[in-house]
Protein backbone atom coordinates (compact mmCIF):
# COMPACT_ATOMS: atom_id res chain seq x y z
CA MET A 1 -50.75 83.63 -111.81
CA ASP A 2 -48.15 84.81 -108.85
CA ILE A 3 -45.19 82.30 -108.79
CA LYS A 4 -45.93 81.53 -105.02
CA GLN A 5 -49.42 80.18 -105.70
CA GLN A 6 -47.94 78.05 -108.95
CA ILE A 7 -45.68 76.61 -106.88
CA ILE A 8 -48.16 75.83 -104.18
CA ASP A 9 -50.58 74.47 -106.84
CA CYS A 10 -47.56 72.03 -108.05
CA THR A 11 -46.11 70.64 -104.78
CA ASP A 12 -48.32 67.65 -104.19
CA ALA A 13 -47.17 66.52 -107.19
CA LEU A 14 -43.40 67.69 -106.91
CA LEU A 15 -43.48 65.33 -103.47
CA GLU A 16 -45.22 62.55 -105.45
CA ASP A 17 -42.16 62.75 -108.17
CA ILE A 18 -39.51 62.91 -105.44
CA GLY A 19 -40.88 59.83 -103.42
CA LYS A 20 -40.75 58.17 -106.94
CA LEU A 21 -36.85 58.32 -106.36
CA VAL A 22 -36.58 58.17 -102.97
CA LYS A 23 -37.97 54.69 -103.05
CA TYR A 24 -34.75 53.39 -105.03
CA ASN A 25 -31.70 52.22 -103.10
CA SER A 26 -29.35 53.88 -105.30
CA VAL A 27 -26.24 53.32 -103.83
CA GLU A 28 -23.36 52.76 -106.02
CA ALA A 29 -22.68 49.04 -106.70
CA ALA A 30 -21.05 46.42 -108.76
CA PRO A 31 -21.13 47.47 -112.63
CA LEU A 32 -23.37 45.38 -114.88
CA PRO A 33 -23.69 45.42 -118.37
CA GLY A 34 -24.72 48.86 -119.86
CA MET A 35 -25.11 50.10 -115.73
CA PRO A 36 -21.61 51.14 -114.91
CA PHE A 37 -23.03 52.01 -111.63
CA GLY A 38 -25.15 48.85 -110.96
CA GLU A 39 -28.72 48.25 -111.59
CA GLN A 40 -30.07 51.01 -108.69
CA PRO A 41 -28.73 53.89 -109.94
CA ALA A 42 -29.75 52.89 -113.42
CA LEU A 43 -33.45 52.51 -112.33
CA CYS A 44 -33.69 55.45 -110.81
CA LEU A 45 -32.22 57.76 -113.89
CA ALA A 46 -34.77 56.00 -115.79
CA GLU A 47 -37.34 57.05 -113.45
CA ALA A 48 -36.06 60.94 -113.39
CA LEU A 49 -35.92 60.94 -117.11
CA LYS A 50 -39.42 59.34 -117.36
CA ILE A 51 -40.59 62.38 -114.75
CA ALA A 52 -38.88 64.74 -117.08
CA GLU A 53 -40.58 63.76 -120.23
CA GLY A 54 -43.72 63.78 -118.54
CA LEU A 55 -43.36 67.28 -117.87
CA GLY A 56 -42.81 67.86 -121.36
CA PHE A 57 -38.91 67.97 -121.85
CA LYS A 58 -36.41 66.89 -124.12
CA THR A 59 -34.31 63.89 -122.16
CA LYS A 60 -30.95 61.98 -123.04
CA ASN A 61 -29.46 58.95 -121.38
CA LEU A 62 -26.07 59.28 -121.53
CA ASP A 63 -24.93 55.56 -121.42
CA ASN A 64 -26.56 55.35 -117.91
CA TYR A 65 -23.54 57.31 -116.36
CA CYS A 66 -26.32 60.42 -116.07
CA GLY A 67 -28.89 61.80 -118.67
CA TYR A 68 -30.36 65.35 -118.83
CA ALA A 69 -33.69 67.15 -119.75
CA GLU A 70 -33.48 70.48 -121.89
CA MET A 71 -35.69 73.30 -122.66
CA GLY A 72 -34.96 76.22 -125.06
CA GLU A 73 -32.69 77.46 -127.58
CA GLY A 74 -29.45 78.58 -128.38
CA ASP A 75 -25.57 77.94 -128.57
CA GLU A 76 -25.25 78.95 -124.67
CA ILE A 77 -26.46 76.08 -121.87
CA ILE A 78 -27.37 76.62 -118.00
CA GLY A 79 -26.70 73.52 -116.57
CA ILE A 80 -27.87 72.55 -113.15
CA ALA A 81 -26.61 69.13 -112.22
CA GLY A 82 -27.78 67.42 -109.38
CA HIS A 83 -27.26 63.54 -108.17
CA LEU A 84 -29.35 60.79 -107.59
CA ASP A 85 -26.95 58.16 -106.26
CA ILE A 86 -26.97 58.29 -102.47
CA VAL A 87 -24.88 56.66 -99.28
CA PRO A 88 -25.93 53.55 -97.67
CA ALA A 89 -28.84 54.48 -95.33
CA GLY A 90 -27.02 53.24 -92.30
CA GLU A 91 -28.24 52.90 -88.86
CA GLY A 92 -30.78 54.42 -86.64
CA TRP A 93 -33.59 55.41 -88.70
CA THR A 94 -37.13 56.21 -87.22
CA LYS A 95 -38.36 55.86 -90.63
CA ASP A 96 -38.17 53.99 -94.16
CA PRO A 97 -35.42 55.50 -95.99
CA PHE A 98 -36.93 54.25 -99.20
CA ALA A 99 -40.09 56.02 -98.74
CA LEU A 100 -40.88 59.86 -98.54
CA THR A 101 -42.71 59.73 -95.16
CA ARG A 102 -44.44 63.02 -94.38
CA GLU A 103 -45.01 63.74 -91.00
CA GLY A 104 -46.25 67.78 -90.57
CA ASP A 105 -44.05 70.27 -93.00
CA LEU A 106 -41.38 67.57 -92.79
CA VAL A 107 -40.32 64.90 -95.38
CA TYR A 108 -38.22 62.10 -94.99
CA GLY A 109 -36.30 59.61 -96.59
CA ARG A 110 -32.50 59.02 -97.74
CA GLY A 111 -32.12 61.31 -100.66
CA THR A 112 -34.71 64.05 -99.55
CA THR A 113 -31.93 66.58 -99.54
CA ASP A 114 -29.21 64.78 -100.46
CA ASP A 115 -29.59 65.10 -103.59
CA LYS A 116 -32.92 63.68 -105.30
CA GLY A 117 -35.41 66.41 -103.60
CA PRO A 118 -33.19 69.26 -104.81
CA ILE A 119 -32.94 68.26 -108.52
CA MET A 120 -37.05 67.87 -108.61
CA GLU A 121 -36.76 71.30 -107.04
CA ALA A 122 -34.40 72.61 -109.90
CA LEU A 123 -36.74 70.49 -112.75
CA TYR A 124 -39.91 71.91 -111.30
CA ALA A 125 -38.58 75.40 -111.31
CA MET A 126 -37.79 74.77 -114.70
CA LYS A 127 -41.11 73.55 -115.81
CA LEU A 128 -42.77 77.04 -114.39
CA ILE A 129 -40.24 79.04 -116.41
CA LYS A 130 -41.38 76.87 -119.84
CA ASP A 131 -44.87 77.33 -118.90
CA SER A 132 -44.38 81.25 -118.36
CA GLY A 133 -44.34 81.49 -122.37
CA ARG A 134 -40.83 83.56 -121.76
CA PRO A 135 -38.25 83.80 -124.48
CA MET A 136 -35.05 82.19 -124.12
CA ASN A 137 -31.62 82.60 -125.94
CA LYS A 138 -30.26 79.98 -123.98
CA ARG A 139 -30.66 76.37 -123.20
CA VAL A 140 -31.38 74.98 -119.85
CA ARG A 141 -30.34 71.99 -119.42
CA VAL A 142 -31.23 69.36 -115.56
CA ILE A 143 -28.36 66.76 -115.52
CA PHE A 144 -29.12 63.33 -113.58
CA GLY A 145 -25.83 62.49 -112.10
CA CYS A 146 -25.20 58.54 -110.95
CA ASN A 147 -21.82 58.64 -109.24
CA GLU A 148 -21.13 61.89 -107.04
CA GLU A 149 -21.18 60.46 -103.68
CA THR A 150 -18.38 58.17 -105.10
CA GLY A 151 -16.24 59.54 -107.21
CA SER A 152 -18.40 61.40 -110.06
CA ALA A 153 -17.08 59.46 -112.96
CA CYS A 154 -20.91 60.34 -114.32
CA MET A 155 -19.87 64.05 -114.85
CA ARG A 156 -16.29 63.09 -116.51
CA HIS A 157 -18.27 61.11 -119.06
CA TYR A 158 -20.49 63.84 -119.57
CA ASN A 159 -17.50 65.84 -120.29
CA GLU A 160 -16.63 63.52 -122.84
CA VAL A 161 -19.26 62.86 -124.79
CA GLU A 162 -21.42 66.32 -124.19
CA GLU A 163 -20.99 70.15 -125.21
CA PRO A 164 -19.87 72.14 -122.42
CA LEU A 165 -21.90 74.42 -120.01
CA THR A 166 -21.79 77.96 -120.48
CA MET A 167 -22.78 78.80 -116.62
CA GLY A 168 -25.02 77.14 -114.00
CA PHE A 169 -25.31 75.61 -110.58
CA THR A 170 -25.58 72.32 -108.87
CA PRO A 171 -28.17 72.26 -106.36
CA ASP A 172 -26.36 70.13 -103.60
CA ALA A 173 -24.92 72.28 -101.00
CA ASN A 174 -26.03 75.47 -99.22
CA PHE A 175 -27.77 78.99 -99.66
CA PRO A 176 -27.24 81.67 -100.44
CA CYS A 177 -24.25 80.81 -102.58
CA ILE A 178 -21.06 78.38 -102.58
CA TYR A 179 -18.18 80.40 -104.61
CA GLY A 180 -15.52 78.21 -103.66
CA GLU A 181 -14.86 74.26 -102.42
CA LYS A 182 -12.29 73.06 -100.49
CA GLY A 183 -9.49 71.09 -101.90
CA HIS A 184 -9.84 66.98 -100.84
CA MET A 185 -7.33 64.65 -99.72
CA ASN A 186 -7.69 61.20 -99.08
CA LEU A 187 -5.52 58.94 -96.64
CA ILE A 188 -5.39 55.30 -95.29
CA VAL A 189 -4.18 55.15 -92.20
CA SER A 190 -2.72 51.23 -91.39
CA SER A 191 -1.48 49.02 -88.64
CA LYS A 192 1.48 47.13 -88.76
CA ASN A 193 1.83 45.67 -85.03
CA THR A 194 -1.24 45.37 -83.00
CA LYS A 195 -2.75 43.30 -80.34
CA ILE A 196 -6.34 44.23 -81.21
CA ILE A 197 -7.89 41.01 -82.88
CA ALA A 198 -10.35 42.88 -84.95
CA MET A 199 -12.38 46.11 -85.19
CA ASN A 200 -14.67 47.31 -87.51
CA GLY A 201 -16.80 50.60 -88.16
CA GLY A 202 -18.50 52.80 -90.39
CA PHE A 203 -20.32 52.69 -93.23
CA VAL A 204 -19.13 55.13 -96.04
CA THR A 205 -15.69 57.07 -96.15
CA ASN A 206 -17.09 60.84 -96.54
CA ALA A 207 -19.18 60.22 -93.12
CA VAL A 208 -17.84 60.18 -89.58
CA CYS A 209 -17.52 56.62 -88.46
CA ASP A 210 -20.70 56.38 -86.20
CA ARG A 211 -20.36 52.49 -84.61
CA CYS A 212 -17.59 50.59 -84.00
CA THR A 213 -16.87 47.26 -82.54
CA THR A 214 -13.42 45.96 -81.36
CA VAL A 215 -12.23 42.85 -80.16
CA ILE A 216 -8.95 42.51 -77.86
CA PRO A 217 -7.59 39.71 -75.68
CA ALA A 218 -8.62 39.39 -72.14
CA GLY A 219 -6.16 40.12 -69.54
CA ILE A 220 -4.40 42.72 -71.12
CA VAL A 221 -6.77 45.61 -69.72
CA SER A 222 -9.96 45.12 -67.68
CA ALA A 223 -13.16 45.31 -69.31
CA GLU A 224 -13.92 47.82 -66.32
CA ALA A 225 -11.13 50.16 -66.94
CA VAL A 226 -12.12 50.45 -70.94
CA LYS A 227 -15.92 50.81 -69.71
CA ALA A 228 -14.93 53.72 -67.60
CA GLU A 229 -12.77 55.31 -70.11
CA LEU A 230 -15.77 55.25 -72.76
CA ASP A 231 -18.29 56.69 -70.09
CA LYS A 232 -15.90 59.61 -70.35
CA THR A 233 -16.68 60.20 -74.25
CA PRO A 234 -19.05 61.88 -76.03
CA LEU A 235 -20.22 58.46 -77.44
CA VAL A 236 -24.22 57.97 -77.40
CA SER A 237 -23.47 54.27 -75.86
CA SER A 238 -21.15 51.92 -75.47
CA THR A 239 -20.89 48.31 -74.30
CA VAL A 240 -17.78 46.09 -72.85
CA THR A 241 -18.14 42.17 -72.72
CA GLU A 242 -15.89 39.54 -71.58
CA GLU A 243 -15.99 36.25 -73.05
CA ASN A 244 -14.02 33.13 -74.36
CA GLY A 245 -10.80 35.08 -73.81
CA THR A 246 -11.59 38.04 -75.57
CA VAL A 247 -13.36 41.58 -74.57
CA THR A 248 -15.75 42.76 -77.23
CA ILE A 249 -16.12 46.67 -77.06
CA PHE A 250 -19.22 48.20 -78.94
CA ALA A 251 -19.29 52.24 -79.42
CA GLN A 252 -22.17 54.10 -80.81
CA GLY A 253 -21.32 57.42 -82.23
CA VAL A 254 -22.88 59.99 -84.53
CA ALA A 255 -22.49 60.15 -88.14
CA ALA A 256 -22.06 63.44 -89.97
CA HIS A 257 -21.03 64.41 -93.70
CA ALA A 258 -16.88 64.16 -93.55
CA SER A 259 -17.18 68.16 -94.44
CA MET A 260 -18.16 69.17 -90.94
CA PRO A 261 -16.86 66.10 -88.53
CA LEU A 262 -17.32 68.41 -85.80
CA LEU A 263 -20.96 67.76 -86.18
CA GLY A 264 -20.77 64.02 -85.25
CA VAL A 265 -18.87 61.41 -82.73
CA ASN A 266 -16.15 59.09 -84.29
CA ALA A 267 -16.98 55.64 -82.70
CA ALA A 268 -13.47 54.36 -83.81
CA GLY A 269 -11.71 57.33 -82.30
CA CYS A 270 -13.48 57.15 -79.01
CA THR A 271 -12.86 53.95 -78.39
CA MET A 272 -8.94 54.01 -79.18
CA GLU A 273 -8.99 56.97 -77.02
CA ALA A 274 -10.34 55.07 -74.38
CA LEU A 275 -7.96 51.47 -74.80
CA LYS A 276 -5.10 54.04 -74.37
CA ASN A 277 -6.36 55.85 -71.38
CA ALA A 278 -7.48 52.38 -69.87
CA GLY A 279 -3.43 51.11 -70.31
CA PHE A 280 -3.94 49.13 -73.43
CA ASP A 281 -0.38 49.47 -74.34
CA ASP A 282 -0.30 48.90 -78.47
CA ASP A 283 1.27 50.15 -81.30
CA PHE A 284 -1.66 50.78 -83.58
CA VAL A 285 -3.63 52.58 -80.74
CA ASN A 286 -0.88 54.93 -79.99
CA PHE A 287 -0.58 55.60 -83.85
CA TYR A 288 -3.90 56.36 -84.17
CA VAL A 289 -4.14 58.61 -81.26
CA SER A 290 -1.09 60.50 -82.07
CA ARG A 291 -2.04 60.80 -85.78
CA VAL A 292 -5.90 60.65 -86.15
CA GLY A 293 -7.42 61.33 -82.68
CA THR A 294 -10.57 63.00 -82.49
CA LYS A 295 -9.97 66.94 -82.94
CA CYS A 296 -11.01 66.54 -86.64
CA ASP A 297 -7.92 69.33 -87.29
CA GLY A 298 -5.17 67.26 -88.96
CA ALA A 299 -2.87 68.50 -86.21
CA GLY A 300 -1.82 64.79 -85.77
CA CYS A 301 -0.54 64.74 -89.54
CA GLY A 302 1.07 68.37 -89.36
CA ILE A 303 -1.28 69.58 -91.45
CA ASN A 304 -3.66 71.63 -89.82
CA PHE A 305 -3.93 74.29 -91.87
CA ILE A 306 -6.28 77.20 -91.86
CA ASP A 307 -6.60 80.37 -93.85
CA GLU A 308 -9.25 83.16 -94.28
CA TYR A 309 -12.03 81.04 -96.25
CA GLY A 310 -11.91 78.32 -93.49
CA ASP A 311 -10.05 75.17 -91.46
CA LEU A 312 -8.71 72.27 -92.47
CA THR A 313 -10.97 69.24 -91.70
CA PHE A 314 -9.84 65.52 -91.09
CA ASN A 315 -12.40 62.51 -90.88
CA ASN A 316 -12.15 58.76 -89.99
CA GLY A 317 -15.14 57.30 -92.24
CA ILE A 318 -14.69 53.36 -92.30
CA VAL A 319 -12.13 51.21 -89.83
CA LYS A 320 -11.92 47.37 -91.42
CA THR A 321 -10.01 44.57 -90.03
CA VAL A 322 -8.48 42.29 -93.06
CA ASP A 323 -6.28 39.32 -92.15
CA GLY A 324 -5.21 40.81 -89.02
CA LYS A 325 -4.40 44.36 -90.76
CA ILE A 326 -6.37 47.57 -89.37
CA SER A 327 -7.12 50.22 -91.98
CA CYS A 328 -8.65 53.52 -91.17
CA THR A 329 -10.16 55.73 -94.23
CA ILE A 330 -8.99 59.46 -93.67
CA ASP A 331 -11.37 62.26 -95.51
CA ILE A 332 -9.84 65.89 -95.75
CA ARG A 333 -11.29 68.94 -96.77
CA VAL A 334 -8.07 71.14 -97.47
CA PRO A 335 -8.38 75.33 -97.20
CA VAL A 336 -8.51 76.67 -100.77
CA THR A 337 -5.43 78.37 -100.32
CA VAL A 338 -3.26 75.73 -99.78
CA THR A 339 -1.37 73.73 -102.43
CA GLU A 340 -0.66 69.94 -102.92
CA GLU A 341 3.09 70.76 -102.41
CA GLN A 342 2.38 72.53 -98.84
CA LEU A 343 -0.02 69.41 -98.02
CA ARG A 344 3.32 66.98 -99.23
CA THR A 345 5.68 68.66 -97.26
CA ALA A 346 4.00 69.25 -94.10
CA ILE A 347 2.56 65.48 -93.99
CA ALA A 348 5.96 64.04 -94.94
CA PRO A 349 6.85 63.36 -91.56
CA TYR A 350 4.23 61.85 -90.35
CA LEU A 351 3.61 58.80 -92.76
CA GLU A 352 5.57 56.23 -90.98
CA ASN A 353 7.07 54.69 -88.18
CA GLU A 354 7.62 51.23 -86.51
CA GLN A 355 3.63 51.47 -84.85
CA GLY A 356 2.09 52.30 -88.27
CA LEU A 357 1.99 53.64 -92.00
CA ILE A 358 -0.20 56.51 -93.38
CA GLU A 359 -0.33 56.50 -97.43
CA ILE A 360 -1.64 59.17 -99.71
CA LYS A 361 -4.57 57.78 -102.09
CA SER A 362 -5.56 61.20 -104.06
CA ILE A 363 -5.07 64.71 -103.64
CA GLY A 364 -7.87 67.14 -105.36
CA ALA A 365 -7.64 70.81 -106.36
CA PRO A 366 -10.00 73.48 -104.53
CA LEU A 367 -12.71 75.39 -106.74
CA PHE A 368 -12.70 79.22 -106.40
CA CYS A 369 -14.95 81.66 -108.17
CA PRO A 370 -14.91 85.28 -107.35
CA LYS A 371 -17.58 86.81 -105.26
CA GLU A 372 -18.03 89.47 -107.70
CA SER A 373 -18.69 87.11 -110.79
CA PRO A 374 -21.98 87.54 -112.87
CA LEU A 375 -22.74 84.05 -111.78
CA VAL A 376 -22.19 84.29 -108.61
CA GLN A 377 -24.09 87.81 -108.36
CA ALA A 378 -27.20 86.09 -110.29
CA LEU A 379 -27.34 83.13 -107.94
CA TYR A 380 -26.75 85.30 -104.86
CA LYS A 381 -29.37 87.96 -105.79
CA ALA A 382 -31.96 85.57 -106.58
CA TYR A 383 -31.88 83.99 -102.84
CA VAL A 384 -31.85 87.52 -101.54
CA LYS A 385 -34.81 88.58 -103.79
CA VAL A 386 -37.11 85.69 -102.67
CA THR A 387 -35.63 85.40 -98.84
CA GLY A 388 -34.90 88.90 -98.00
CA ASP A 389 -31.66 87.39 -96.08
CA THR A 390 -28.82 89.46 -96.33
CA ALA A 391 -27.23 88.74 -93.21
CA HIS A 392 -25.61 85.56 -94.74
CA GLU A 393 -23.30 86.09 -97.67
CA PRO A 394 -21.48 83.85 -100.32
CA MET A 395 -19.29 81.69 -98.91
CA VAL A 396 -16.75 78.70 -99.28
CA ILE A 397 -17.92 75.08 -98.04
CA GLY A 398 -15.91 71.87 -97.05
CA GLY A 399 -18.21 69.61 -99.52
CA GLY A 400 -17.20 68.82 -102.46
CA THR A 401 -19.75 68.77 -105.53
CA TYR A 402 -20.32 68.42 -109.31
CA ALA A 403 -18.99 72.03 -109.77
CA LYS A 404 -15.50 70.65 -109.31
CA TYR A 405 -15.99 68.55 -112.69
CA LEU A 406 -18.21 70.84 -114.74
CA PRO A 407 -16.30 73.71 -115.58
CA GLY A 408 -19.06 77.13 -115.47
CA ILE A 409 -21.15 75.93 -112.25
CA ILE A 410 -20.92 76.63 -108.62
CA ALA A 411 -23.13 75.09 -105.84
CA PHE A 412 -26.40 76.71 -104.82
CA GLY A 413 -28.40 75.54 -102.26
CA PRO A 414 -30.60 73.74 -101.22
CA GLU A 415 -29.63 74.03 -97.29
CA MET A 416 -31.15 76.73 -95.80
CA PRO A 417 -28.40 78.62 -93.12
CA ASP A 418 -28.07 76.83 -89.47
CA VAL A 419 -30.33 74.02 -90.24
CA ASP A 420 -29.35 70.46 -89.70
CA TYR A 421 -31.01 68.16 -92.83
CA ARG A 422 -29.35 65.23 -91.35
CA ILE A 423 -27.43 64.81 -94.55
CA HIS A 424 -25.79 61.12 -94.57
CA ASN A 425 -27.31 60.57 -91.04
CA ALA A 426 -30.56 58.63 -90.29
CA ASP A 427 -33.56 60.48 -90.98
CA GLU A 428 -33.09 62.64 -93.51
CA PHE A 429 -35.58 65.55 -94.19
CA LEU A 430 -36.40 68.34 -96.09
CA SER A 431 -39.40 70.71 -95.38
CA VAL A 432 -42.39 71.19 -97.41
CA ALA A 433 -42.02 74.99 -96.82
CA GLY A 434 -38.34 74.67 -97.44
CA ILE A 435 -39.17 72.85 -100.59
CA GLN A 436 -41.47 75.63 -101.84
CA GLU A 437 -39.09 78.57 -100.70
CA ALA A 438 -36.35 76.56 -102.69
CA MET A 439 -38.22 76.31 -106.23
CA GLU A 440 -38.89 79.91 -106.34
CA VAL A 441 -35.15 80.91 -105.51
CA TYR A 442 -34.17 78.52 -108.61
CA TYR A 443 -36.80 80.06 -110.52
CA LYS A 444 -35.57 83.37 -110.17
CA ALA A 445 -31.62 82.45 -110.36
CA ILE A 446 -32.57 80.55 -113.72
CA SER A 447 -34.68 83.79 -114.98
CA ASN A 448 -31.49 85.66 -113.85
CA MET A 449 -29.14 83.53 -115.58
CA LEU A 450 -31.03 83.80 -118.66
CA ASP A 451 -30.73 87.54 -118.76
CA ILE A 452 -26.81 87.68 -118.22
């Protein structure tokens, strides 16, 4: 039977299984006995392994950090690593984020694209290869992780307790193929002195701060002036109310993945700039506007690096106030040729003054695999064979994936070029046609890797 028809025939079953995973609100939570990332990720992992067993694969749970489904024989292992954890649903959904909702060719739900849908596409592609009866001198292993969004400790655990992978991919990025991932830098920007009573916004560090509520004393600047400045920003909406000696500002921006912050609108940044432009003279407002702002390029911290593979991106995810101190998380994706020494040297003059403080929390190395390598070529050729698309070539991205934690693999799909799947945003979706096409690409990619 033609592979396209086989894919069509199993699509309903695949959608049903994706729905079984989407129903879990598998955001990392406080650890429980035997559940290092909380109950929901562990339950979602158990569901994924149950699905894999039902499809005829051998499975293993690795202490609820992660688990895998495997087929084939041999010393070499082709690994396909995806994650079952998700970012919080956030606000603005028009569908239930924890139920797979189909409308025409589209299916909605948190994790449909990132990453529950893609890992099931890969699992079903694996099943089609298994059912074909082709000889395999390698094992093929789908790995289900539970902690990608919040640190990938699941893959560090995998490396401690399991055999290393020979080659493979993570279906957690873009087609046609990812041969490089930018480095990662995390900062905390904090106030020293501020007249702001409270400022709280954002829902996760690796997404643009999509809404923010700020409270300032009345009488310093007029509510009308603040509103007039907010109306000049790209915010979706804003309100300014004055009551009981305070002015409360609510700003609605647009969420977007931290690796592509220009697709979003930073509600906190717009609020800070509006306050400054309205005449609210404040140490931390001035510090934030000068160091962070809304440009997303890191220029305010002296780190607006660019190389031939891409620009540095700079994202404010969460803003919170604790005991009168405001702190802001900054998620930075660093061009692959920029070194840690270059970063530290460039940012050093900007870390502190009398208005505020910047702390470097972590710096992670980039990933780079030559475009000419057998793995990149095996995956890219699979994409071209199925789609016929030669206009788009392997690329470097700002997102960080399991490829940085599992030597030998790179990121590969499922996002098609020039499509916004609303990852880390409300109404995240996949198309059914896209699911079927990705399955065929993964089927061909696994076949190509078996032939290496």
